[in-house]
Amino acid sequence: MAVEFLVHGGKALSFRCFILGQVGAAMQDKDTWSGRFAEPVADLVKRYTASVGFDHKLAMYDIQGSLAHAQMLAACDIISAQDLNDIKRGLGQIENEIISGEFVWLLDLEDVHLNIEKRLTSLVGDAGKRLHTGRSRNDQVATDVRLYLRHEIDELLGLIKALQLALLDLASQHTNTLMPGFTHLQVAQPISFAHHLMAYFEMLKRDAERLIDCRKRVNRLPLGAAALAGTSFPIKREYVAQLLGFDGVCENSLDAVSDRDFAIEFTACAALIMTHLSRFSEELILWMSPRFGFIDIADRFCTGSSIMPQKKNPDVPELVRGKTGRVNGHLVALLTLMKGQPLAYNKDNQEDKEPLFDTVDTLRDTLRIFADMVAGIAVKPEAMSEALRQGFATATDLADYLVKRGVPFRDAHEAVAKAVRAAETKGRDLAELTLTELQSFSKLIDNNVFAALSVSGSLAARDHIGGTAPIQVRAAIARVRKLL
């Protein structure tokens, strides 16, 4: 059983919002809490404390939560069936107004919740006033944010999968494309380009697992906690949770309204995803440089220079690198937001939304554009192969060769180091030394050493799960395709 989300396909649609910047325009009859105060809130304070400029993004989720709350109130005989019908009718009209851009968002009404409630009351009268029975804006907003974030996590998981598929498609074409693997950005050992791409697939797989796990803690219902202590009305929280598709309820009312650890956890997951994409971006930028020349990025992801006509700048991966700092900053902002708050709800928590919304938007756009960019990468195998002729990439293979013939590894390491120094002096690769020259470093070397020193031989020798042997990389690609 679930409340039908009125927007198309259950998705929150983007919409234009019109906010009256002139405080006092279309002012409501009286403030929601005006009975307590001897003077009105100052105009500057209204502008400073209002959140409708950004929390209108939650409008559809606010309507969704309100529908479930109203249905529960009617089921518990707290409001009448007629009130419920009026509320449904009014919220349906408000949703249509929001989607069409006709809804007028009033700064005087402070936030998304009061804007919708005021409009509902103007449409259906006292039924609209009864909707807030048994709830507070504290548990209302916590519910809205969780509904929003749950939806966005599901969307992001689909985008991660799309990027993984783009990586698999590119990797499938290059299991035999050889390139240097690097440590310290120095040539280390031969690998396949496909093996390198699959490292990022694994990172994204963990990223998806983290989001799935995070979603479990997002998907708990705060509604019913009211302001902080629960409500005296005979509500059924589990019923609302069932209507809204939550896995359960938040079991402590103080915690339910005051903590935003679910948003912090999500932002930490997002920061890790962006960090992985930033690392990949750094490599794409390096590989596209003529000093590497390993790949080319499609023109649609690049820009030119206003002064240098030859330039083709990898703007998209550079911006991914930059936007990662932005998301990391949002994580720190949310942690700092919460670190000094006593229980229960505090106005500080209004500041959770902009960092969270921007994190979601940045990550969504980045994943979408990255998948398209990966699909458009042109690989240059010749340049990768040429790079393997520098840096003595098969030196470890020569050490392994000696170990297999009984030489202790440390002694083999020393012998190969001397061979590398000699080859470097002569301006040749290890595989270009003669058998006699190689035997001067160990008498155990014979003519079959050159198979071990070949780049293809080096790859083929690493024939185990997780290794870079083409047969293992192809098997890895096949395994994960089945998982996806």
Protein backbone atom coordinates (compact mmCIF):
# COMPACT_ATOMS: atom_id res chain seq x y z
CA MET A 1 0.00 0.00 0.00
CA ALA A 2 1.36 3.43 -0.87
CA VAL A 3 0.18 6.97 -1.33
CA GLU A 4 0.12 7.81 -5.00
CA PHE A 5 2.68 10.51 -5.73
CA LEU A 6 0.75 12.88 -7.92
CA VAL A 7 3.64 13.96 -10.14
CA HIS A 8 4.26 11.98 -13.31
CA GLY A 9 5.90 8.62 -12.79
CA GLY A 10 6.47 9.33 -9.10
CA LYS A 11 9.23 11.76 -9.98
CA ALA A 12 9.64 15.26 -8.66
CA LEU A 13 9.48 17.61 -11.60
CA SER A 14 11.54 20.72 -11.88
CA PHE A 15 9.46 23.83 -11.87
CA ARG A 16 9.82 27.57 -11.94
CA CYS A 17 9.07 29.34 -8.71
CA PHE A 18 8.08 32.96 -8.36
CA ILE A 19 9.01 34.44 -5.01
CA LEU A 20 7.74 37.84 -4.02
CA GLY A 21 10.87 39.66 -3.01
CA GLN A 22 8.78 42.58 -1.74
CA VAL A 23 8.13 41.66 1.86
CA GLY A 24 4.53 42.34 2.73
CA ALA A 25 3.15 41.77 -0.78
CA ALA A 26 0.12 39.49 -0.63
CA MET A 27 0.73 39.21 3.10
CA GLN A 28 -1.27 36.52 4.87
CA ASP A 29 -4.00 37.64 7.25
CA LYS A 30 -1.74 37.02 10.21
CA ASP A 31 1.42 35.09 10.99
CA THR A 32 1.00 31.47 11.98
CA TRP A 33 2.36 32.27 15.42
CA SER A 34 1.25 35.92 15.66
CA GLY A 35 -0.78 35.36 18.83
CA ARG A 36 2.41 35.01 20.87
CA PHE A 37 4.13 38.25 19.79
CA ALA A 38 3.51 41.90 20.51
CA GLU A 39 5.10 43.13 17.27
CA PRO A 40 5.54 41.70 13.77
CA VAL A 41 8.74 40.12 12.57
CA ALA A 42 11.07 42.69 11.01
CA ASP A 43 11.32 42.67 7.23
CA LEU A 44 15.07 42.04 7.33
CA VAL A 45 14.56 39.10 9.67
CA LYS A 46 11.94 37.66 7.33
CA ARG A 47 14.38 37.78 4.43
CA TYR A 48 17.20 36.39 6.58
CA THR A 49 15.23 33.47 8.00
CA ALA A 50 13.10 32.54 4.98
CA SER A 51 13.96 29.28 3.25
CA VAL A 52 11.33 29.20 0.51
CA GLY A 53 13.93 30.40 -1.98
CA PHE A 54 15.49 26.94 -1.90
CA ASP A 55 13.21 24.55 -0.01
CA HIS A 56 10.48 24.89 -2.66
CA LYS A 57 12.43 21.98 -4.19
CA LEU A 58 10.70 19.83 -1.58
CA ALA A 59 7.19 20.85 -2.63
CA MET A 60 6.17 17.58 -4.25
CA TYR A 61 7.52 15.59 -1.34
CA ASP A 62 5.72 17.87 1.08
CA ILE A 63 2.48 17.14 -0.76
CA GLN A 64 3.23 13.42 -0.76
CA GLY A 65 3.87 13.40 2.98
CA SER A 66 0.79 15.52 3.68
CA LEU A 67 -1.43 13.13 1.73
CA ALA A 68 -0.20 10.19 3.79
CA HIS A 69 -0.57 12.14 7.03
CA ALA A 70 -4.13 13.15 6.15
CA GLN A 71 -5.04 9.60 5.20
CA MET A 72 -3.74 8.38 8.56
CA LEU A 73 -5.63 11.11 10.45
CA ALA A 74 -8.86 10.04 8.74
CA ALA A 75 -8.18 6.35 9.42
CA CYS A 76 -7.71 7.20 13.10
CA ASP A 77 -10.93 9.30 13.17
CA ILE A 78 -8.93 12.43 13.98
CA ILE A 79 -10.31 14.21 10.91
CA SER A 80 -13.44 13.40 8.94
CA ALA A 81 -13.71 11.64 5.61
CA GLN A 82 -14.95 14.91 4.14
CA ASP A 83 -11.87 16.72 5.44
CA LEU A 84 -9.69 14.07 3.81
CA ASN A 85 -11.45 14.45 0.46
CA ASP A 86 -11.13 18.23 0.63
CA ILE A 87 -7.43 17.98 1.48
CA LYS A 88 -6.81 15.59 -1.41
CA ARG A 89 -8.66 17.88 -3.80
CA GLY A 90 -6.82 20.96 -2.59
CA LEU A 91 -3.37 19.38 -2.68
CA GLY A 92 -4.07 18.08 -6.19
CA GLN A 93 -4.85 21.59 -7.36
CA ILE A 94 -1.74 22.96 -5.64
CA GLU A 95 0.40 20.36 -7.34
CA ASN A 96 -0.98 21.34 -10.74
CA GLU A 97 -0.32 24.99 -9.99
CA ILE A 98 3.28 24.21 -9.04
CA ILE A 99 3.89 22.12 -12.15
CA SER A 100 2.40 24.77 -14.41
CA GLY A 101 4.39 27.53 -12.73
CA GLU A 102 1.26 29.36 -11.57
CA PHE A 103 1.86 28.85 -7.86
CA VAL A 104 2.94 32.08 -6.14
CA TRP A 105 5.60 31.52 -3.49
CA LEU A 106 5.43 34.14 -0.76
CA LEU A 107 8.49 35.17 1.20
CA ASP A 108 6.20 36.24 4.03
CA LEU A 109 5.18 32.61 4.46
CA GLU A 110 8.80 31.69 5.12
CA ASP A 111 9.03 28.14 3.80
CA VAL A 112 7.56 25.53 1.48
CA HIS A 113 5.34 24.07 4.21
CA LEU A 114 3.53 27.26 5.19
CA ASN A 115 3.17 28.31 1.56
CA ILE A 116 1.39 25.08 0.70
CA GLU A 117 -0.67 25.08 3.89
CA LYS A 118 -1.81 28.67 3.36
CA ARG A 119 -2.84 27.96 -0.23
CA LEU A 120 -4.62 24.77 0.85
CA THR A 121 -6.60 26.65 3.48
CA SER A 122 -7.61 29.27 0.94
CA LEU A 123 -8.89 26.47 -1.31
CA VAL A 124 -10.64 24.15 1.15
CA GLY A 125 -11.12 26.19 4.31
CA ASP A 126 -11.03 24.56 7.75
CA ALA A 127 -10.01 21.17 6.35
CA GLY A 128 -6.70 22.76 5.36
CA LYS A 129 -6.25 24.04 8.90
CA ARG A 130 -6.84 20.56 10.31
CA LEU A 131 -4.10 18.98 8.18
CA HIS A 132 -1.36 20.01 10.61
CA THR A 133 -3.01 18.15 13.49
CA GLY A 134 -0.52 15.82 15.18
CA ARG A 135 2.55 17.06 13.37
CA SER A 136 5.09 19.89 13.46
CA ARG A 137 7.19 21.49 10.79
CA ASN A 138 10.09 19.76 12.57
CA ASP A 139 9.00 16.23 11.69
CA GLN A 140 7.41 17.44 8.46
CA VAL A 141 10.63 18.80 6.98
CA ALA A 142 12.65 15.81 8.16
CA THR A 143 10.19 13.59 6.31
CA ASP A 144 10.28 15.74 3.17
CA VAL A 145 14.07 15.65 3.03
CA ARG A 146 14.14 11.88 3.47
CA LEU A 147 11.56 11.40 0.71
CA TYR A 148 13.58 13.68 -1.56
CA LEU A 149 16.89 11.99 -0.80
CA ARG A 150 15.49 8.48 -1.19
CA HIS A 151 14.25 9.39 -4.66
CA GLU A 152 17.56 10.97 -5.61
CA ILE A 153 19.57 7.98 -4.39
CA ASP A 154 17.51 5.72 -6.65
CA GLU A 155 18.18 8.05 -9.59
CA LEU A 156 21.91 8.21 -8.79
CA LEU A 157 22.18 4.43 -8.63
CA GLY A 158 20.85 4.28 -12.17
CA LEU A 159 23.41 6.85 -13.32
CA ILE A 160 26.25 4.94 -11.66
CA LYS A 161 25.12 1.84 -13.52
CA ALA A 162 25.10 3.75 -16.82
CA LEU A 163 28.68 4.88 -16.22
CA GLN A 164 29.73 1.35 -15.30
CA LEU A 165 28.23 0.07 -18.55
CA ALA A 166 30.14 2.73 -20.51
CA LEU A 167 33.35 1.60 -18.81
CA LEU A 168 32.59 -2.05 -19.61
CA ASP A 169 31.91 -1.26 -23.26
CA LEU A 170 35.20 0.60 -23.61
CA ALA A 171 37.14 -2.02 -21.64
CA SER A 172 35.73 -4.84 -23.81
CA GLN A 173 37.41 -3.27 -26.83
CA HIS A 174 40.83 -2.99 -25.18
CA THR A 175 41.66 -6.16 -23.25
CA ASN A 176 44.72 -6.54 -25.50
CA THR A 177 45.64 -2.85 -25.63
CA LEU A 178 48.87 -2.59 -23.66
CA MET A 179 49.94 0.42 -21.61
CA PRO A 180 52.26 1.19 -18.72
CA GLY A 181 50.88 0.88 -15.24
CA PHE A 182 52.24 3.61 -13.00
CA THR A 183 53.22 4.06 -9.40
CA HIS A 184 54.44 7.50 -8.30
CA LEU A 185 53.53 8.43 -11.90
CA GLN A 186 56.60 6.46 -13.00
CA VAL A 187 56.41 3.47 -15.34
CA ALA A 188 55.95 0.39 -13.18
CA GLN A 189 54.63 -2.70 -15.00
CA PRO A 190 52.71 -3.45 -18.19
CA ILE A 191 48.94 -3.65 -17.88
CA SER A 192 46.05 -3.60 -20.31
CA PHE A 193 43.98 -0.46 -20.80
CA ALA A 194 40.92 -2.57 -20.01
CA HIS A 195 42.41 -3.57 -16.67
CA HIS A 196 42.98 0.09 -15.84
CA LEU A 197 39.37 0.97 -16.69
CA MET A 198 38.09 -1.90 -14.58
CA ALA A 199 39.77 -0.41 -11.52
CA TYR A 200 37.30 2.49 -11.79
CA PHE A 201 34.47 0.04 -12.29
CA GLU A 202 35.35 -1.51 -8.93
CA MET A 203 35.40 1.91 -7.26
CA LEU A 204 31.96 2.67 -8.65
CA LYS A 205 30.70 -0.72 -7.51
CA ARG A 206 31.68 0.14 -3.95
CA ASP A 207 30.14 3.58 -4.39
CA ALA A 208 26.83 1.98 -5.37
CA GLU A 209 27.02 -0.40 -2.41
CA ARG A 210 27.54 2.54 -0.07
CA LEU A 211 24.55 4.38 -1.50
CA ILE A 212 22.36 1.29 -1.18
CA ASP A 213 23.42 0.93 2.43
CA CYS A 214 22.92 4.63 3.10
CA ARG A 215 19.41 4.40 1.66
CA LYS A 216 18.44 1.98 4.44
CA ARG A 217 19.04 4.68 7.05
CA VAL A 218 17.46 7.39 4.93
CA ASN A 219 14.31 5.30 4.58
CA ARG A 220 12.98 5.70 8.13
CA LEU A 221 9.92 7.83 8.88
CA PRO A 222 10.27 10.82 11.26
CA LEU A 223 6.62 11.93 10.87
CA GLY A 224 4.73 11.51 14.12
CA ALA A 225 7.61 12.77 16.24
CA ALA A 226 5.87 16.17 16.04
CA ALA A 227 7.91 19.02 17.52
CA LEU A 228 10.15 16.79 19.67
CA ALA A 229 8.12 14.63 22.09
CA GLY A 230 5.51 12.95 19.90
CA THR A 231 1.82 13.86 19.94
CA SER A 232 -1.13 13.29 22.24
CA PHE A 233 -3.33 12.29 19.29
CA PRO A 234 -3.89 8.53 18.69
CA ILE A 235 -1.83 8.37 15.48
CA LYS A 236 -0.51 5.30 13.66
CA ARG A 237 3.03 6.03 12.52
CA GLU A 238 3.56 2.57 11.05
CA TYR A 239 0.56 3.13 8.79
CA VAL A 240 2.09 6.35 7.41
CA ALA A 241 5.41 4.56 6.94
CA GLN A 242 3.64 1.88 4.93
CA LEU A 243 1.83 4.46 2.80
CA LEU A 244 5.06 6.29 2.00
CA GLY A 245 7.16 3.18 1.42
CA PHE A 246 9.44 3.63 4.43
CA ASP A 247 11.08 0.57 5.95
CA GLY A 248 10.10 1.66 9.45
CA VAL A 249 9.84 4.63 11.78
CA CYS A 250 12.45 6.62 13.65
CA GLU A 251 12.02 5.22 17.13
CA ASN A 252 13.01 8.23 19.24
CA SER A 253 11.11 11.46 18.69
CA LEU A 254 13.98 13.72 19.76
CA ASP A 255 16.38 12.02 17.38
CA ALA A 256 13.81 11.92 14.58
CA VAL A 257 13.44 15.68 14.31
CA SER A 258 16.94 16.84 15.20
CA ASP A 259 19.57 14.67 13.53
CA ARG A 260 20.71 14.97 9.95
CA ASP A 261 23.24 12.16 9.98
CA PHE A 262 21.45 10.53 7.04
CA ALA A 263 22.18 13.66 4.96
CA ILE A 264 25.78 13.75 6.16
CA GLU A 265 26.22 10.06 5.34
CA PHE A 266 24.83 10.60 1.86
CA THR A 267 27.11 13.59 1.28
CA ALA A 268 30.08 11.50 2.42
CA CYS A 269 29.09 8.85 -0.14
CA ALA A 270 28.79 11.56 -2.77
CA ALA A 271 32.19 12.98 -1.86
CA LEU A 272 33.75 9.55 -2.36
CA ILE A 273 32.08 9.14 -5.75
CA MET A 274 33.30 12.56 -6.82
CA THR A 275 36.79 11.75 -5.52
CA HIS A 276 36.89 8.63 -7.67
CA LEU A 277 35.71 10.57 -10.71
CA SER A 278 38.24 13.29 -9.94
CA ARG A 279 41.07 10.75 -9.97
CA PHE A 280 39.84 9.42 -13.28
CA SER A 281 39.56 12.98 -14.58
CA GLU A 282 43.16 13.68 -13.63
CA GLU A 283 44.26 10.68 -15.66
CA LEU A 284 42.13 11.67 -18.65
CA ILE A 285 43.71 15.12 -18.56
CA LEU A 286 47.21 13.64 -18.43
CA TRP A 287 46.51 11.03 -21.10
CA MET A 288 45.10 13.65 -23.46
CA SER A 289 48.22 15.78 -23.12
CA PRO A 290 50.63 15.43 -26.09
CA ARG A 291 53.27 14.31 -23.56
CA PHE A 292 51.23 11.15 -23.14
CA GLY A 293 48.93 11.12 -26.16
CA PHE A 294 47.15 7.96 -24.97
CA ILE A 295 43.61 9.11 -25.71
CA ASP A 296 41.52 11.81 -27.27
CA ILE A 297 38.35 13.18 -25.70
CA ALA A 298 35.50 13.99 -28.07
CA ASP A 299 35.26 17.63 -29.10
CA ARG A 300 31.87 18.10 -27.46
CA PHE A 301 33.51 17.82 -24.04
CA CYS A 302 36.29 20.29 -24.76
CA THR A 303 36.74 23.98 -25.44
CA GLY A 304 39.30 26.10 -27.25
CA SER A 305 41.33 29.11 -26.29
CA SER A 306 40.46 32.75 -26.85
CA ILE A 307 44.04 33.45 -27.92
CA MET A 308 45.71 30.15 -28.89
CA PRO A 309 43.96 28.64 -31.92
CA GLN A 310 45.59 25.21 -31.56
CA LYS A 311 44.23 24.51 -28.09
CA LYS A 312 41.77 21.76 -27.22
CA ASN A 313 41.18 21.94 -23.49
CA PRO A 314 39.65 19.06 -21.48
CA ASP A 315 37.22 21.32 -19.65
CA VAL A 316 34.80 18.64 -18.49
CA PRO A 317 37.30 16.51 -16.55
CA GLU A 318 38.90 19.68 -15.22
CA LEU A 319 35.54 20.84 -13.89
CA VAL A 320 34.87 17.42 -12.38
CA ARG A 321 38.14 17.84 -10.53
CA GLY A 322 37.05 21.29 -9.36
CA LYS A 323 33.50 20.34 -8.42
CA THR A 324 34.85 17.55 -6.23
CA GLY A 325 36.19 20.23 -3.90
CA ARG A 326 32.72 21.76 -3.88
CA VAL A 327 31.08 18.52 -2.74
CA ASN A 328 33.82 17.89 -0.19
CA GLY A 329 33.11 21.36 1.15
CA HIS A 330 29.42 20.54 1.52
CA LEU A 331 30.34 17.51 3.61
CA VAL A 332 32.43 19.63 5.95
CA ALA A 333 29.64 22.24 6.09
CA LEU A 334 27.06 19.66 7.17
CA LEU A 335 29.36 18.15 9.78
CA THR A 336 30.07 21.60 11.14
CA LEU A 337 26.36 22.44 11.10
CA MET A 338 25.56 19.57 13.44
CA LYS A 339 28.57 19.49 15.72
CA GLY A 340 27.34 21.96 18.36
CA GLN A 341 23.59 21.45 18.34
CA PRO A 342 21.81 20.40 21.53
CA LEU A 343 18.65 18.33 21.28
CA ALA A 344 16.19 18.73 19.75
CA TYR A 345 15.43 20.78 16.61
CA ASN A 346 17.26 24.07 16.07
CA LYS A 347 16.92 26.65 13.30
CA ASP A 348 20.50 25.79 12.29
CA ASN A 349 19.07 22.78 10.49
CA GLN A 350 17.54 25.05 7.87
CA GLU A 351 21.09 25.29 6.54
CA ASP A 352 21.20 21.58 5.68
CA LYS A 353 19.26 21.90 2.45
CA GLU A 354 21.39 24.03 0.17
CA PRO A 355 24.55 21.91 0.62
CA LEU A 356 22.51 18.73 0.24
CA PHE A 357 20.60 19.94 -2.82
CA ASP A 358 23.76 21.17 -4.51
CA THR A 359 25.57 17.91 -3.73
CA VAL A 360 22.77 15.92 -5.39
CA ASP A 361 22.62 18.23 -8.42
CA THR A 362 26.41 18.25 -8.86
CA LEU A 363 26.74 14.50 -8.55
CA ARG A 364 23.81 13.82 -10.88
CA ASP A 365 25.18 16.10 -13.60
CA THR A 366 28.70 14.74 -13.20
CA LEU A 367 27.67 11.09 -13.50
CA ARG A 368 25.51 11.81 -16.52
CA ILE A 369 28.17 13.73 -18.42
CA PHE A 370 30.92 11.32 -17.41
CA ALA A 371 29.14 8.32 -18.91
CA ASP A 372 28.74 10.17 -22.19
CA MET A 373 32.36 11.32 -22.12
CA VAL A 374 33.72 7.81 -21.48
CA ALA A 375 31.68 6.48 -24.40
CA GLY A 376 33.34 9.07 -26.64
CA ILE A 377 36.97 8.36 -25.69
CA ALA A 378 39.24 7.55 -28.66
CA VAL A 379 42.13 5.31 -27.59
CA LYS A 380 45.61 5.52 -29.18
CA PRO A 381 47.19 2.07 -28.69
CA GLU A 382 50.40 2.99 -30.53
CA ALA A 383 51.21 5.77 -28.08
CA MET A 384 50.52 3.48 -25.14
CA SER A 385 52.74 0.80 -26.62
CA GLU A 386 55.52 3.29 -27.29
CA ALA A 387 55.39 4.41 -23.66
CA LEU A 388 56.09 0.83 -22.58
CA ARG A 389 59.51 1.09 -24.24
CA GLN A 390 60.48 3.59 -21.57
CA GLY A 391 60.97 2.93 -17.89
CA PHE A 392 61.94 -0.77 -17.96
CA ALA A 393 58.39 -1.98 -17.38
CA THR A 394 59.37 -5.67 -17.34
CA ALA A 395 62.14 -5.40 -14.74
CA THR A 396 59.98 -7.16 -12.13
CA ASP A 397 59.40 -9.98 -14.60
CA LEU A 398 63.16 -10.52 -14.86
CA ALA A 399 63.38 -10.64 -11.05
CA ASP A 400 60.51 -13.17 -10.95
CA TYR A 401 62.27 -15.20 -13.65
CA LEU A 402 65.37 -15.49 -11.44
CA VAL A 403 63.34 -16.35 -8.33
CA LYS A 404 61.67 -19.19 -10.21
CA ARG A 405 65.19 -20.51 -10.85
CA GLY A 406 66.07 -20.56 -7.19
CA VAL A 407 67.53 -17.10 -6.58
CA PRO A 408 66.29 -15.45 -3.35
CA PHE A 409 64.08 -12.49 -4.23
CA ARG A 410 66.33 -9.86 -2.65
CA ASP A 411 69.33 -11.18 -4.57
CA ALA A 412 67.27 -11.26 -7.77
CA HIS A 413 66.14 -7.69 -7.09
CA GLU A 414 69.77 -6.56 -6.74
CA ALA A 415 70.85 -8.32 -9.93
CA VAL A 416 68.03 -6.82 -11.98
CA ALA A 417 68.70 -3.34 -10.55
CA LYS A 418 72.26 -3.62 -11.87
CA ALA A 419 70.95 -4.81 -15.23
CA VAL A 420 68.59 -1.81 -15.43
CA ARG A 421 71.44 0.57 -14.65
CA ALA A 422 73.56 -1.00 -17.39
CA ALA A 423 70.71 -0.91 -19.93
CA GLU A 424 70.01 2.70 -19.06
CA THR A 425 73.65 3.58 -19.66
CA LYS A 426 73.46 1.93 -23.06
CA GLY A 427 70.14 3.57 -23.93
CA ARG A 428 68.39 0.25 -24.38
CA ASP A 429 65.51 -1.64 -22.81
CA LEU A 430 66.17 -4.84 -20.87
CA ALA A 431 64.67 -6.90 -23.69
CA GLU A 432 67.17 -5.26 -26.08
CA LEU A 433 70.21 -6.50 -24.16
CA THR A 434 71.94 -9.57 -25.58
CA LEU A 435 71.83 -12.91 -23.81
CA THR A 436 75.54 -12.57 -22.99
CA GLU A 437 74.95 -9.14 -21.45
CA LEU A 438 72.09 -10.44 -19.34
CA GLN A 439 74.09 -13.47 -18.20
CA SER A 440 76.71 -11.13 -16.77
CA PHE A 441 74.19 -10.38 -14.03
CA SER A 442 73.22 -14.02 -13.40
CA LYS A 443 74.48 -17.27 -14.89
CA LEU A 444 70.99 -18.75 -14.42
CA ILE A 445 69.62 -16.71 -17.31
CA ASP A 446 69.18 -18.54 -20.58
CA ASN A 447 67.54 -17.90 -23.94
CA ASN A 448 63.96 -18.29 -22.69
CA VAL A 449 64.35 -15.07 -20.67
CA PHE A 450 63.19 -13.00 -23.63
CA ALA A 451 59.68 -14.44 -23.42
CA ALA A 452 59.53 -13.24 -19.82
CA LEU A 453 60.87 -9.83 -20.82
CA SER A 454 58.25 -9.28 -23.51
CA VAL A 455 55.37 -7.01 -22.68
CA SER A 456 52.78 -9.53 -23.84
CA GLY A 457 54.51 -12.23 -21.82
CA SER A 458 54.44 -10.01 -18.75
CA LEU A 459 50.68 -9.57 -19.05
CA ALA A 460 49.97 -13.22 -19.78
CA ALA A 461 51.99 -14.31 -16.73
CA ARG A 462 49.59 -12.53 -14.36
CA ASP A 463 46.87 -15.10 -14.92
CA HIS A 464 44.87 -15.06 -11.70
CA ILE A 465 41.70 -13.36 -10.43
CA GLY A 466 42.41 -9.65 -10.25
CA GLY A 467 45.45 -9.92 -12.51
CA THR A 468 45.99 -8.05 -15.76
CA ALA A 469 46.24 -11.12 -18.03
CA PRO A 470 43.80 -10.50 -20.90
CA ILE A 471 41.99 -13.78 -20.22
CA GLN A 472 41.37 -12.68 -16.62
CA VAL A 473 40.25 -9.20 -17.62
CA ARG A 474 37.77 -10.63 -20.10
CA ALA A 475 36.47 -12.97 -17.41
CA ALA A 476 36.13 -10.04 -14.99
CA ILE A 477 34.15 -8.05 -17.56
CA ALA A 478 31.85 -11.02 -18.16
CA ARG A 479 31.29 -11.51 -14.42
CA VAL A 480 30.28 -7.95 -13.73
CA ARG A 481 28.05 -7.72 -16.79
CA LYS A 482 26.01 -10.54 -15.28
CA LEU A 483 25.87 -8.70 -11.95
CA LEU A 484 24.61 -5.52 -13.60
